[in-house]
Amino acid sequence: MQTGRTGLAALTEAKLWNNPCWFAFRFNHIALRYNSPLYAWVQKNYGLTRPEFIVIYSLGLLDGVLARDISISSGFPKNTLSRAIEKLCRLELIERRADDADRRNQTLHLLPTGRKIFDEALPKFQQFEEKMLSSLSPRERDTLSHLLAKIVLDTEDWTTEIDG
C-alpha cells in the first residue's frame, strides 16, 4: 500500500487533501471511523443492526416520538425503520402507543430493557467521541461545535434530490 506524506494511504490522503470536495470527504471519513466500530460493538453485544439501535438511541434522547421523526433525524428510509421498529417491538425493547394529540399516529417508547441498552451503550459512544476530539483544545471544540451547528441549521435549505 502506498502511503502519502501524512502517513495515511495515498488514496485516502488524496481524497482528504487533494480533493475539491474536501469537507464532505473529511466529514464522511470521520463519521465512518466513528460509526463502524461503534455499530459493530452494538451488533456484537446486543444483536441489533444500526437502524435498530438508531431507534433505541433516538428514544433514549427523546422518548415518545413518531417513526417519521426518527426517519427525518437519522436519514434512514421509512421502510428500513419500519422493519427495525417491528423487530424492536417483538423483542419488547420499545412499544407503540396511540398519540394523545392525534389518535391516528403512534408514538414510540423505550421499555425498561431498551432503556438499559441505551444506558449501557451511551458511555461507549461518549468515550469514542471524546477520543475523536482529544486533539482539540476546549476553545477549538467550541468553535467546531459552533461552525458545524451553522452548517446543520442550513441543511433545511439543501435539495434532497439531484436532477439530471
N, C-alpha and C. Protein backbone atom coordinates (compact mmCIF):
# COMPACT_ATOMS: atom_id res chain seq x y z
N MET A 1 0.85 -1.18 0.00
CA MET A 1 0.00 0.00 0.00
C MET A 1 0.89 1.24 0.00
N GLN A 2 0.57 2.12 -0.89
CA GLN A 2 1.28 3.38 -1.00
C GLN A 2 0.84 4.33 0.12
N THR A 3 1.78 4.99 0.76
CA THR A 3 1.41 5.98 1.78
C THR A 3 1.79 7.37 1.30
N GLY A 4 1.03 8.32 1.79
CA GLY A 4 1.29 9.72 1.44
C GLY A 4 2.14 10.39 2.50
N ARG A 5 2.30 11.69 2.36
CA ARG A 5 3.16 12.44 3.27
C ARG A 5 2.61 12.52 4.70
N THR A 6 1.30 12.31 4.87
CA THR A 6 0.70 12.35 6.21
C THR A 6 0.81 11.00 6.92
N GLY A 7 1.20 9.96 6.18
CA GLY A 7 1.24 8.62 6.75
C GLY A 7 -0.01 7.83 6.46
N LEU A 8 -1.02 8.49 5.93
CA LEU A 8 -2.24 7.81 5.51
C LEU A 8 -2.00 7.13 4.17
N ALA A 9 -2.86 6.20 3.82
CA ALA A 9 -2.80 5.59 2.50
C ALA A 9 -2.89 6.70 1.46
N ALA A 10 -2.16 6.55 0.37
CA ALA A 10 -2.07 7.61 -0.65
C ALA A 10 -3.45 8.01 -1.18
N LEU A 11 -4.30 7.03 -1.46
CA LEU A 11 -5.63 7.37 -1.98
C LEU A 11 -6.47 8.08 -0.92
N THR A 12 -6.39 7.62 0.31
CA THR A 12 -7.11 8.29 1.40
C THR A 12 -6.63 9.73 1.51
N GLU A 13 -5.32 9.92 1.48
CA GLU A 13 -4.78 11.28 1.54
C GLU A 13 -5.27 12.13 0.38
N ALA A 14 -5.28 11.57 -0.81
CA ALA A 14 -5.76 12.32 -1.98
C ALA A 14 -7.22 12.72 -1.81
N LYS A 15 -8.04 11.81 -1.30
CA LYS A 15 -9.46 12.12 -1.11
C LYS A 15 -9.67 13.19 -0.03
N LEU A 16 -8.79 13.21 0.97
CA LEU A 16 -8.98 14.12 2.09
C LEU A 16 -8.30 15.47 1.91
N TRP A 17 -7.20 15.52 1.13
CA TRP A 17 -6.46 16.77 1.00
C TRP A 17 -6.37 17.30 -0.43
N ASN A 18 -6.41 16.44 -1.42
CA ASN A 18 -6.28 16.89 -2.81
C ASN A 18 -7.61 16.76 -3.54
N ASN A 19 -8.64 17.21 -2.93
CA ASN A 19 -9.99 16.95 -3.42
C ASN A 19 -10.78 18.25 -3.38
N PRO A 20 -11.44 18.62 -4.47
CA PRO A 20 -12.26 19.83 -4.44
C PRO A 20 -13.45 19.70 -3.50
N CYS A 21 -13.81 18.48 -3.12
CA CYS A 21 -14.91 18.24 -2.18
C CYS A 21 -14.34 17.83 -0.82
N TRP A 22 -13.33 18.53 -0.35
CA TRP A 22 -12.59 18.17 0.85
C TRP A 22 -13.46 18.05 2.09
N PHE A 23 -14.42 18.98 2.29
CA PHE A 23 -15.21 18.96 3.52
C PHE A 23 -16.05 17.68 3.61
N ALA A 24 -16.78 17.38 2.55
CA ALA A 24 -17.65 16.20 2.58
C ALA A 24 -16.85 14.92 2.78
N PHE A 25 -15.71 14.82 2.12
CA PHE A 25 -14.91 13.60 2.26
C PHE A 25 -14.28 13.50 3.65
N ARG A 26 -13.81 14.60 4.21
CA ARG A 26 -13.26 14.56 5.57
C ARG A 26 -14.35 14.23 6.58
N PHE A 27 -15.50 14.84 6.40
CA PHE A 27 -16.62 14.60 7.31
C PHE A 27 -17.04 13.13 7.26
N ASN A 28 -17.15 12.58 6.05
CA ASN A 28 -17.52 11.17 5.90
C ASN A 28 -16.44 10.25 6.48
N HIS A 29 -15.19 10.60 6.27
CA HIS A 29 -14.08 9.81 6.81
C HIS A 29 -14.18 9.72 8.33
N ILE A 30 -14.41 10.85 8.96
CA ILE A 30 -14.54 10.90 10.41
C ILE A 30 -15.77 10.11 10.86
N ALA A 31 -16.89 10.30 10.18
CA ALA A 31 -18.13 9.61 10.56
C ALA A 31 -17.97 8.09 10.45
N LEU A 32 -17.32 7.63 9.39
CA LEU A 32 -17.11 6.18 9.24
C LEU A 32 -16.21 5.64 10.33
N ARG A 33 -15.17 6.38 10.69
CA ARG A 33 -14.26 5.95 11.76
C ARG A 33 -14.97 5.90 13.11
N TYR A 34 -16.02 6.66 13.27
CA TYR A 34 -16.82 6.67 14.49
C TYR A 34 -17.88 5.57 14.42
N ASN A 35 -18.65 5.57 13.35
CA ASN A 35 -19.80 4.68 13.25
C ASN A 35 -19.43 3.21 13.12
N SER A 36 -18.45 2.89 12.30
CA SER A 36 -18.15 1.47 12.02
C SER A 36 -17.82 0.68 13.28
N PRO A 37 -16.87 1.11 14.12
CA PRO A 37 -16.59 0.30 15.30
C PRO A 37 -17.71 0.31 16.33
N LEU A 38 -18.38 1.44 16.49
CA LEU A 38 -19.45 1.50 17.49
C LEU A 38 -20.64 0.62 17.12
N TYR A 39 -21.06 0.67 15.85
CA TYR A 39 -22.21 -0.16 15.48
C TYR A 39 -21.84 -1.63 15.38
N ALA A 40 -20.57 -1.93 15.11
CA ALA A 40 -20.12 -3.33 15.19
C ALA A 40 -20.18 -3.80 16.64
N TRP A 41 -19.81 -2.95 17.57
CA TRP A 41 -19.89 -3.27 19.01
C TRP A 41 -21.34 -3.49 19.42
N VAL A 42 -22.24 -2.63 18.97
CA VAL A 42 -23.67 -2.78 19.27
C VAL A 42 -24.19 -4.11 18.73
N GLN A 43 -23.82 -4.44 17.50
CA GLN A 43 -24.25 -5.71 16.89
C GLN A 43 -23.74 -6.89 17.71
N LYS A 44 -22.48 -6.84 18.09
CA LYS A 44 -21.86 -7.94 18.84
C LYS A 44 -22.49 -8.10 20.22
N ASN A 45 -22.72 -6.98 20.90
CA ASN A 45 -23.18 -7.03 22.29
C ASN A 45 -24.69 -7.15 22.45
N TYR A 46 -25.44 -6.61 21.50
CA TYR A 46 -26.90 -6.59 21.65
C TYR A 46 -27.64 -7.26 20.50
N GLY A 47 -26.92 -7.63 19.45
CA GLY A 47 -27.56 -8.27 18.30
C GLY A 47 -28.45 -7.33 17.52
N LEU A 48 -28.18 -6.04 17.62
CA LEU A 48 -29.01 -5.04 16.93
C LEU A 48 -28.26 -4.45 15.75
N THR A 49 -28.99 -4.25 14.66
CA THR A 49 -28.42 -3.58 13.50
C THR A 49 -28.36 -2.08 13.77
N ARG A 50 -27.67 -1.38 12.90
CA ARG A 50 -27.57 0.07 13.06
C ARG A 50 -28.95 0.74 13.07
N PRO A 51 -29.84 0.46 12.12
CA PRO A 51 -31.17 1.11 12.18
C PRO A 51 -31.94 0.78 13.46
N GLU A 52 -31.80 -0.45 13.95
CA GLU A 52 -32.49 -0.82 15.19
C GLU A 52 -31.94 -0.02 16.36
N PHE A 53 -30.62 0.09 16.42
CA PHE A 53 -30.04 0.85 17.53
C PHE A 53 -30.33 2.34 17.38
N ILE A 54 -30.41 2.84 16.17
CA ILE A 54 -30.75 4.26 15.95
C ILE A 54 -32.11 4.56 16.57
N VAL A 55 -33.04 3.64 16.45
CA VAL A 55 -34.36 3.83 17.06
C VAL A 55 -34.20 3.91 18.58
N ILE A 56 -33.47 2.98 19.16
CA ILE A 56 -33.26 2.99 20.61
C ILE A 56 -32.54 4.27 21.04
N TYR A 57 -31.49 4.64 20.32
CA TYR A 57 -30.72 5.84 20.67
C TYR A 57 -31.63 7.08 20.58
N SER A 58 -32.41 7.16 19.54
CA SER A 58 -33.31 8.30 19.37
C SER A 58 -34.29 8.40 20.53
N LEU A 59 -34.88 7.26 20.91
CA LEU A 59 -35.85 7.26 22.01
C LEU A 59 -35.16 7.48 23.35
N GLY A 60 -33.89 7.10 23.45
CA GLY A 60 -33.14 7.38 24.66
C GLY A 60 -32.93 8.88 24.85
N LEU A 61 -32.81 9.60 23.75
CA LEU A 61 -32.65 11.05 23.81
C LEU A 61 -33.98 11.77 23.97
N LEU A 62 -35.03 11.26 23.30
CA LEU A 62 -36.35 11.90 23.37
C LEU A 62 -37.42 10.83 23.17
N ASP A 63 -37.94 10.35 24.25
CA ASP A 63 -38.95 9.29 24.20
C ASP A 63 -40.28 9.85 23.72
N GLY A 64 -41.05 9.00 23.06
CA GLY A 64 -42.40 9.40 22.67
C GLY A 64 -42.51 10.11 21.34
N VAL A 65 -41.58 9.85 20.42
CA VAL A 65 -41.63 10.49 19.11
C VAL A 65 -42.25 9.53 18.09
N LEU A 66 -42.52 10.04 16.91
CA LEU A 66 -43.06 9.25 15.82
C LEU A 66 -41.93 8.63 15.00
N ALA A 67 -42.23 7.53 14.34
CA ALA A 67 -41.25 6.90 13.46
C ALA A 67 -40.78 7.90 12.40
N ARG A 68 -41.68 8.73 11.92
CA ARG A 68 -41.35 9.74 10.92
C ARG A 68 -40.25 10.68 11.43
N ASP A 69 -40.33 11.04 12.71
CA ASP A 69 -39.32 11.92 13.30
C ASP A 69 -37.95 11.26 13.32
N ILE A 70 -37.91 9.97 13.62
CA ILE A 70 -36.64 9.25 13.63
C ILE A 70 -36.08 9.16 12.22
N SER A 71 -36.95 8.93 11.25
CA SER A 71 -36.51 8.87 9.86
C SER A 71 -35.90 10.19 9.42
N ILE A 72 -36.57 11.27 9.73
CA ILE A 72 -36.08 12.60 9.33
C ILE A 72 -34.75 12.91 10.01
N SER A 73 -34.65 12.61 11.29
CA SER A 73 -33.44 12.97 12.04
C SER A 73 -32.25 12.06 11.73
N SER A 74 -32.52 10.85 11.27
CA SER A 74 -31.42 9.89 11.04
C SER A 74 -31.05 9.74 9.58
N GLY A 75 -31.98 10.08 8.69
CA GLY A 75 -31.72 9.89 7.26
C GLY A 75 -32.03 8.49 6.77
N PHE A 76 -32.48 7.61 7.65
CA PHE A 76 -32.85 6.27 7.21
C PHE A 76 -34.22 6.30 6.57
N PRO A 77 -34.42 5.52 5.51
CA PRO A 77 -35.74 5.46 4.87
C PRO A 77 -36.80 4.90 5.82
N LYS A 78 -38.03 5.32 5.61
CA LYS A 78 -39.14 4.88 6.47
C LYS A 78 -39.28 3.36 6.49
N ASN A 79 -39.11 2.70 5.33
CA ASN A 79 -39.28 1.24 5.31
C ASN A 79 -38.20 0.53 6.11
N THR A 80 -36.98 1.05 6.10
CA THR A 80 -35.90 0.47 6.90
C THR A 80 -36.22 0.60 8.38
N LEU A 81 -36.68 1.77 8.78
CA LEU A 81 -37.03 1.99 10.19
C LEU A 81 -38.27 1.22 10.59
N SER A 82 -39.19 1.05 9.67
CA SER A 82 -40.40 0.27 9.97
C SER A 82 -40.03 -1.16 10.35
N ARG A 83 -39.12 -1.77 9.58
CA ARG A 83 -38.66 -3.13 9.91
C ARG A 83 -37.94 -3.15 11.25
N ALA A 84 -37.12 -2.14 11.49
CA ALA A 84 -36.40 -2.06 12.76
C ALA A 84 -37.38 -1.93 13.93
N ILE A 85 -38.36 -1.09 13.77
CA ILE A 85 -39.36 -0.87 14.82
C ILE A 85 -40.15 -2.15 15.09
N GLU A 86 -40.54 -2.84 14.04
CA GLU A 86 -41.26 -4.12 14.21
C GLU A 86 -40.44 -5.09 15.04
N LYS A 87 -39.16 -5.23 14.71
CA LYS A 87 -38.31 -6.16 15.44
C LYS A 87 -38.16 -5.73 16.90
N LEU A 88 -37.93 -4.43 17.13
CA LEU A 88 -37.76 -3.94 18.49
C LEU A 88 -39.02 -4.13 19.33
N CYS A 89 -40.17 -4.01 18.71
CA CYS A 89 -41.44 -4.28 19.41
C CYS A 89 -41.54 -5.77 19.76
N ARG A 90 -41.20 -6.63 18.81
CA ARG A 90 -41.22 -8.09 19.07
C ARG A 90 -40.27 -8.47 20.20
N LEU A 91 -39.12 -7.79 20.25
CA LEU A 91 -38.13 -8.06 21.30
C LEU A 91 -38.48 -7.38 22.63
N GLU A 92 -39.57 -6.64 22.62
CA GLU A 92 -40.05 -5.90 23.79
C GLU A 92 -39.00 -4.91 24.32
N LEU A 93 -38.34 -4.25 23.39
CA LEU A 93 -37.40 -3.18 23.72
C LEU A 93 -38.07 -1.81 23.62
N ILE A 94 -39.07 -1.73 22.75
CA ILE A 94 -39.86 -0.50 22.60
C ILE A 94 -41.33 -0.89 22.48
N GLU A 95 -42.20 0.10 22.58
CA GLU A 95 -43.62 -0.13 22.35
C GLU A 95 -44.22 1.06 21.63
N ARG A 96 -45.34 0.79 20.98
CA ARG A 96 -46.12 1.85 20.32
C ARG A 96 -47.28 2.22 21.23
N ARG A 97 -47.62 3.51 21.23
CA ARG A 97 -48.80 3.98 21.96
C ARG A 97 -49.54 4.97 21.08
N ALA A 98 -50.85 5.00 21.23
CA ALA A 98 -51.63 5.98 20.49
C ALA A 98 -51.20 7.38 20.92
N ASP A 99 -51.02 8.25 19.94
CA ASP A 99 -50.61 9.63 20.19
C ASP A 99 -51.80 10.40 20.76
N ASP A 100 -51.61 11.03 21.92
CA ASP A 100 -52.70 11.78 22.53
C ASP A 100 -53.15 12.94 21.65
N ALA A 101 -52.23 13.54 20.92
CA ALA A 101 -52.55 14.71 20.08
C ALA A 101 -53.30 14.29 18.81
N ASP A 102 -52.99 13.12 18.28
CA ASP A 102 -53.62 12.65 17.04
C ASP A 102 -53.69 11.13 17.12
N ARG A 103 -54.85 10.61 17.42
CA ARG A 103 -55.04 9.18 17.66
C ARG A 103 -54.68 8.32 16.44
N ARG A 104 -54.52 8.92 15.27
CA ARG A 104 -54.13 8.16 14.08
C ARG A 104 -52.64 7.82 14.12
N ASN A 105 -51.87 8.58 14.87
CA ASN A 105 -50.42 8.36 14.98
C ASN A 105 -50.09 7.50 16.18
N GLN A 106 -48.94 6.85 16.09
CA GLN A 106 -48.44 6.06 17.22
C GLN A 106 -47.07 6.58 17.62
N THR A 107 -46.94 6.90 18.90
CA THR A 107 -45.64 7.32 19.41
C THR A 107 -44.86 6.08 19.84
N LEU A 108 -43.56 6.21 19.83
CA LEU A 108 -42.68 5.10 20.20
C LEU A 108 -42.05 5.39 21.55
N HIS A 109 -41.93 4.34 22.36
CA HIS A 109 -41.42 4.50 23.72
C HIS A 109 -40.49 3.35 24.08
N LEU A 110 -39.40 3.69 24.78
CA LEU A 110 -38.48 2.67 25.27
C LEU A 110 -39.14 1.91 26.42
N LEU A 111 -38.98 0.61 26.40
CA LEU A 111 -39.35 -0.21 27.54
C LEU A 111 -38.10 -0.39 28.40
N PRO A 112 -38.22 -0.87 29.61
CA PRO A 112 -37.05 -0.95 30.51
C PRO A 112 -35.82 -1.64 29.90
N THR A 113 -36.00 -2.72 29.16
CA THR A 113 -34.85 -3.39 28.57
C THR A 113 -34.21 -2.53 27.49
N GLY A 114 -35.01 -1.81 26.72
CA GLY A 114 -34.47 -0.89 25.73
C GLY A 114 -33.73 0.26 26.39
N ARG A 115 -34.26 0.77 27.48
CA ARG A 115 -33.61 1.85 28.24
C ARG A 115 -32.26 1.36 28.78
N LYS A 116 -32.22 0.12 29.24
CA LYS A 116 -30.97 -0.46 29.77
C LYS A 116 -29.91 -0.52 28.67
N ILE A 117 -30.31 -0.92 27.47
CA ILE A 117 -29.36 -0.97 26.35
C ILE A 117 -28.84 0.43 26.06
N PHE A 118 -29.73 1.40 25.99
CA PHE A 118 -29.30 2.78 25.74
C PHE A 118 -28.33 3.25 26.82
N ASP A 119 -28.69 3.03 28.08
CA ASP A 119 -27.86 3.48 29.19
C ASP A 119 -26.50 2.81 29.21
N GLU A 120 -26.42 1.55 28.80
CA GLU A 120 -25.15 0.84 28.75
C GLU A 120 -24.30 1.30 27.56
N ALA A 121 -24.94 1.57 26.44
CA ALA A 121 -24.21 1.90 25.21
C ALA A 121 -23.75 3.36 25.17
N LEU A 122 -24.52 4.25 25.73
CA LEU A 122 -24.20 5.68 25.64
C LEU A 122 -22.78 6.01 26.08
N PRO A 123 -22.27 5.47 27.19
CA PRO A 123 -20.89 5.80 27.56
C PRO A 123 -19.86 5.40 26.51
N LYS A 124 -20.08 4.30 25.80
CA LYS A 124 -19.16 3.90 24.72
C LYS A 124 -19.13 4.97 23.63
N PHE A 125 -20.30 5.46 23.25
CA PHE A 125 -20.39 6.49 22.23
C PHE A 125 -19.71 7.77 22.71
N GLN A 126 -19.93 8.12 23.98
CA GLN A 126 -19.30 9.32 24.53
C GLN A 126 -17.79 9.17 24.61
N GLN A 127 -17.30 8.02 25.04
CA GLN A 127 -15.86 7.79 25.13
C GLN A 127 -15.20 7.88 23.75
N PHE A 128 -15.88 7.31 22.76
CA PHE A 128 -15.31 7.34 21.41
C PHE A 128 -15.28 8.77 20.88
N GLU A 129 -16.33 9.52 21.14
CA GLU A 129 -16.33 10.92 20.70
C GLU A 129 -15.25 11.71 21.41
N GLU A 130 -15.06 11.46 22.70
CA GLU A 130 -14.00 12.14 23.44
C GLU A 130 -12.64 11.86 22.82
N LYS A 131 -12.40 10.62 22.41
CA LYS A 131 -11.15 10.26 21.74
C LYS A 131 -11.02 11.03 20.43
N MET A 132 -12.11 11.12 19.68
CA MET A 132 -12.07 11.85 18.42
C MET A 132 -11.69 13.31 18.61
N LEU A 133 -12.17 13.90 19.68
CA LEU A 133 -11.96 15.33 19.91
C LEU A 133 -10.73 15.63 20.76
N SER A 134 -10.02 14.61 21.17
CA SER A 134 -8.91 14.79 22.12
C SER A 134 -7.78 15.68 21.59
N SER A 135 -7.64 15.81 20.30
CA SER A 135 -6.57 16.66 19.76
C SER A 135 -6.96 18.13 19.73
N LEU A 136 -8.18 18.44 20.11
CA LEU A 136 -8.65 19.83 20.09
C LEU A 136 -8.70 20.41 21.49
N SER A 137 -8.37 21.68 21.59
CA SER A 137 -8.49 22.38 22.87
C SER A 137 -9.97 22.65 23.14
N PRO A 138 -10.33 22.99 24.38
CA PRO A 138 -11.73 23.34 24.65
C PRO A 138 -12.23 24.47 23.75
N ARG A 139 -11.41 25.45 23.50
CA ARG A 139 -11.82 26.56 22.62
C ARG A 139 -12.05 26.07 21.18
N GLU A 140 -11.16 25.19 20.70
CA GLU A 140 -11.32 24.64 19.35
C GLU A 140 -12.58 23.79 19.26
N ARG A 141 -12.87 23.04 20.30
CA ARG A 141 -14.10 22.22 20.32
C ARG A 141 -15.33 23.12 20.24
N ASP A 142 -15.30 24.21 20.99
CA ASP A 142 -16.43 25.14 20.97
C ASP A 142 -16.60 25.75 19.59
N THR A 143 -15.49 26.14 18.96
CA THR A 143 -15.54 26.70 17.61
C THR A 143 -16.07 25.67 16.63
N LEU A 144 -15.56 24.45 16.70
CA LEU A 144 -16.03 23.38 15.81
C LEU A 144 -17.53 23.15 16.00
N SER A 145 -17.98 23.09 17.23
CA SER A 145 -19.41 22.89 17.51
C SER A 145 -20.24 24.01 16.90
N HIS A 146 -19.79 25.23 17.06
CA HIS A 146 -20.50 26.40 16.53
C HIS A 146 -20.56 26.35 14.99
N LEU A 147 -19.44 26.05 14.36
CA LEU A 147 -19.40 26.01 12.89
C LEU A 147 -20.25 24.88 12.34
N LEU A 148 -20.17 23.70 12.97
CA LEU A 148 -21.00 22.58 12.50
C LEU A 148 -22.48 22.88 12.70
N ALA A 149 -22.83 23.53 13.80
CA ALA A 149 -24.23 23.90 14.03
C ALA A 149 -24.74 24.82 12.92
N LYS A 150 -23.90 25.77 12.48
CA LYS A 150 -24.31 26.65 11.38
C LYS A 150 -24.59 25.86 10.11
N ILE A 151 -23.73 24.91 9.82
CA ILE A 151 -23.92 24.08 8.62
C ILE A 151 -25.18 23.23 8.76
N VAL A 152 -25.34 22.60 9.91
CA VAL A 152 -26.51 21.74 10.14
C VAL A 152 -27.81 22.54 9.99
N LEU A 153 -27.87 23.72 10.59
CA LEU A 153 -29.08 24.52 10.50
C LEU A 153 -29.38 24.96 9.08
N ASP A 154 -28.36 25.06 8.26
CA ASP A 154 -28.54 25.45 6.86
C ASP A 154 -29.04 24.28 6.00
N THR A 155 -28.92 23.04 6.48
CA THR A 155 -29.29 21.88 5.65
C THR A 155 -30.76 21.88 5.25
N GLU A 156 -31.59 22.57 5.98
CA GLU A 156 -33.01 22.64 5.62
C GLU A 156 -33.21 23.27 4.24
N ASP A 157 -32.26 24.09 3.81
CA ASP A 157 -32.34 24.75 2.51
C ASP A 157 -31.70 23.94 1.39
N TRP A 158 -31.12 22.79 1.70
CA TRP A 158 -30.45 21.98 0.69
C TRP A 158 -31.46 21.12 -0.05
N THR A 159 -31.16 20.84 -1.28
CA THR A 159 -32.01 19.96 -2.07
C THR A 159 -31.87 18.52 -1.56
N THR A 160 -32.90 17.73 -1.74
CA THR A 160 -32.83 16.33 -1.35
C THR A 160 -32.68 15.41 -2.57
N GLU A 161 -32.74 16.00 -3.75
CA GLU A 161 -32.56 15.22 -4.98
C GLU A 161 -31.74 16.04 -5.97
N ILE A 162 -30.90 15.33 -6.70
CA ILE A 162 -30.10 15.98 -7.74
C ILE A 162 -30.73 15.64 -9.10
N ASP A 163 -31.13 16.66 -9.82
CA ASP A 163 -31.72 16.43 -11.14
C ASP A 163 -30.63 16.17 -12.17
N GLY A 164 -30.94 15.30 -13.13
CA GLY A 164 -30.02 15.04 -14.23
C GLY A 164 -28.83 14.31 -13.75
